[in-house]
């Protein structure tokens, strides 16, 4: 009889341990699912903005961040709302010195604020500028 009870207790113990392992796995899966639901995901960029992101990374990120923080030049977070207009931004990006020399108050203020750092002239095509602007609007919100 002792052998039967011993075998039964081993079987029950094994079953409880196995159930406990399954419960831990289920708990981990539930925890992982909750973490994935609450972890903020970066917004997906449109196809046009993805092209602009490539331009930004190749030409702009040496001096600018997509945040409010300044590097050499101002942070690009909210830039689409800060500059006088989209057309102004295109002129400034393509030739900042010409805009500054024209006496544009906003351009001169930027130039003064950032230690008279001269921004490279890029002469982006209309298509390139549109993609860059789209990226700044989407990623720099």
Protein backbone atom coordinates (compact mmCIF):
# COMPACT_ATOMS: atom_id res chain seq x y z
CA UNK A 1 0.00 0.00 0.00
CA UNK A 2 2.79 2.42 0.78
CA UNK A 3 4.08 2.00 -2.75
CA UNK A 4 0.64 3.00 -4.18
CA UNK A 5 0.53 6.14 -2.04
CA UNK A 6 4.11 6.94 -2.95
CA UNK A 7 3.34 6.51 -6.67
CA UNK A 8 0.15 8.55 -6.34
CA UNK A 9 1.94 11.37 -4.52
CA UNK A 10 4.69 11.40 -7.18
CA UNK A 11 2.06 11.53 -9.93
CA UNK A 12 0.19 14.37 -8.22
CA UNK A 13 3.40 16.30 -7.56
CA UNK A 14 4.47 15.93 -11.17
CA UNK A 15 1.05 17.07 -12.35
CA UNK A 16 1.10 20.11 -10.06
CA UNK A 17 4.59 21.09 -11.14
CA UNK A 18 3.60 20.74 -14.78
CA UNK A 19 0.50 22.85 -14.18
CA UNK A 20 2.62 25.43 -12.41
CA UNK A 21 4.99 25.64 -15.37
CA UNK A 22 2.09 26.09 -17.74
CA UNK A 23 0.69 28.82 -15.53
CA UNK A 24 4.05 30.62 -15.54
CA UNK A 25 4.21 30.37 -19.33
CA UNK A 26 0.66 31.65 -19.62
CA UNK A 27 1.49 34.49 -17.20
CA UNK A 28 4.57 35.40 -19.23
CA UNK A 29 2.55 35.39 -22.45
CA UNK A 30 -0.11 37.59 -20.87
CA UNK A 31 2.54 39.96 -19.48
CA UNK A 32 4.29 40.14 -22.86
CA UNK A 33 1.00 40.86 -24.63
CA UNK A 34 0.19 43.65 -22.16
CA UNK A 35 3.68 45.13 -22.54
CA UNK A 36 3.31 45.15 -26.33
CA UNK A 37 -0.07 46.86 -26.03
CA UNK A 38 1.22 49.61 -23.72
CA UNK A 39 4.60 50.21 -25.35
CA UNK A 40 4.28 53.29 -27.55
CA UNK A 41 5.13 52.55 -31.15
CA UNK A 42 6.73 55.04 -33.45
CA UNK A 43 4.19 56.34 -35.91
CA UNK A 44 4.47 54.86 -39.35
CA UNK A 45 5.68 57.33 -41.91
CA UNK A 46 4.08 57.77 -45.30
CA UNK A 47 6.03 56.68 -48.36
CA UNK A 48 6.83 60.30 -49.18
CA UNK A 49 8.05 60.96 -45.62
CA UNK A 50 10.28 57.87 -45.76
CA UNK A 51 12.06 59.41 -48.75
CA UNK A 52 12.39 62.62 -46.77
CA UNK A 53 13.80 60.69 -43.83
CA UNK A 54 16.57 59.38 -46.09
CA UNK A 55 17.36 62.93 -47.22
CA UNK A 56 17.34 64.16 -43.63
CA UNK A 57 19.69 61.40 -42.50
CA UNK A 58 22.08 61.99 -45.39
CA UNK A 59 22.10 65.81 -45.25
CA UNK A 60 20.63 67.29 -42.09
CA UNK A 61 21.20 65.13 -39.04
CA UNK A 62 24.79 66.27 -38.67
CA UNK A 63 23.40 69.58 -37.41
CA UNK A 64 19.72 68.96 -36.55
CA UNK A 65 17.77 66.53 -34.39
CA UNK A 66 14.14 65.45 -34.77
CA UNK A 67 13.38 66.73 -31.29
CA UNK A 68 13.21 70.07 -29.51
CA UNK A 69 16.90 69.81 -28.67
CA UNK A 70 19.40 71.90 -30.58
CA UNK A 71 22.58 70.41 -31.95
CA UNK A 72 24.45 72.91 -34.12
CA UNK A 73 21.17 74.23 -35.49
CA UNK A 74 17.68 74.16 -34.02
CA UNK A 75 15.77 70.97 -33.23
CA UNK A 76 13.26 70.07 -35.89
CA UNK A 77 10.34 69.14 -33.65
CA UNK A 78 7.46 71.39 -34.67
CA UNK A 79 9.51 73.20 -37.31
CA UNK A 80 6.66 73.09 -39.83
CA UNK A 81 4.61 75.22 -37.42
CA UNK A 82 7.47 77.52 -36.36
CA UNK A 83 8.79 78.81 -39.66
CA UNK A 84 6.99 81.61 -41.49
CA UNK A 85 5.83 79.32 -44.31
CA UNK A 86 6.63 76.21 -46.29
CA UNK A 87 7.90 78.40 -49.14
CA UNK A 88 10.15 80.28 -46.72
CA UNK A 89 11.58 76.96 -45.46
CA UNK A 90 12.33 75.87 -49.02
CA UNK A 91 14.21 79.10 -49.74
CA UNK A 92 16.09 78.91 -46.45
CA UNK A 93 17.09 75.25 -46.88
CA UNK A 94 18.20 75.81 -50.45
CA UNK A 95 20.21 78.95 -49.65
CA UNK A 96 20.05 80.23 -46.06
CA UNK A 97 22.70 82.90 -46.63
CA UNK A 98 20.69 84.53 -49.42
CA UNK A 99 17.63 84.70 -47.13
CA UNK A 100 19.72 86.12 -44.28
CA UNK A 101 21.37 88.69 -46.58
CA UNK A 102 17.94 89.78 -47.79
CA UNK A 103 17.31 91.04 -44.25
CA UNK A 104 14.58 88.50 -43.43
CA UNK A 105 14.01 89.03 -39.68
CA UNK A 106 13.28 85.39 -38.87
CA UNK A 107 16.34 84.16 -40.79
CA UNK A 108 18.61 86.76 -39.18
CA UNK A 109 17.30 85.84 -35.71
CA UNK A 110 18.06 82.14 -36.35
CA UNK A 111 21.51 82.99 -37.63
CA UNK A 112 22.24 85.10 -34.54
CA UNK A 113 20.77 82.57 -32.10
CA UNK A 114 22.90 79.71 -33.42
CA UNK A 115 26.25 81.53 -33.27
CA UNK A 116 26.20 82.66 -36.89
CA UNK A 117 26.66 79.07 -38.04
CA UNK A 118 26.40 78.96 -41.81
CA UNK A 119 23.98 76.31 -43.01
CA UNK A 120 24.96 74.38 -46.10
CA UNK A 121 22.97 75.26 -49.23
CA UNK A 122 21.28 72.14 -50.55
CA UNK A 123 19.37 73.12 -53.69
CA UNK A 124 16.94 70.24 -53.32
CA UNK A 125 14.60 69.60 -56.22
CA UNK A 126 10.90 70.30 -55.67
CA UNK A 127 10.28 66.56 -55.22
CA UNK A 128 13.12 66.22 -52.70
CA UNK A 129 11.95 69.24 -50.73
CA UNK A 130 8.37 67.92 -50.64
CA UNK A 131 9.57 64.60 -49.21
CA UNK A 132 11.78 66.33 -46.65
CA UNK A 133 8.96 68.66 -45.62
CA UNK A 134 6.58 65.70 -45.28
CA UNK A 135 9.11 63.96 -43.05
CA UNK A 136 9.52 67.05 -40.88
CA UNK A 137 5.74 67.35 -40.55
CA UNK A 138 5.20 63.67 -39.68
CA UNK A 139 8.26 62.90 -37.56
CA UNK A 140 8.63 66.32 -35.98
CA UNK A 141 5.20 66.59 -34.42
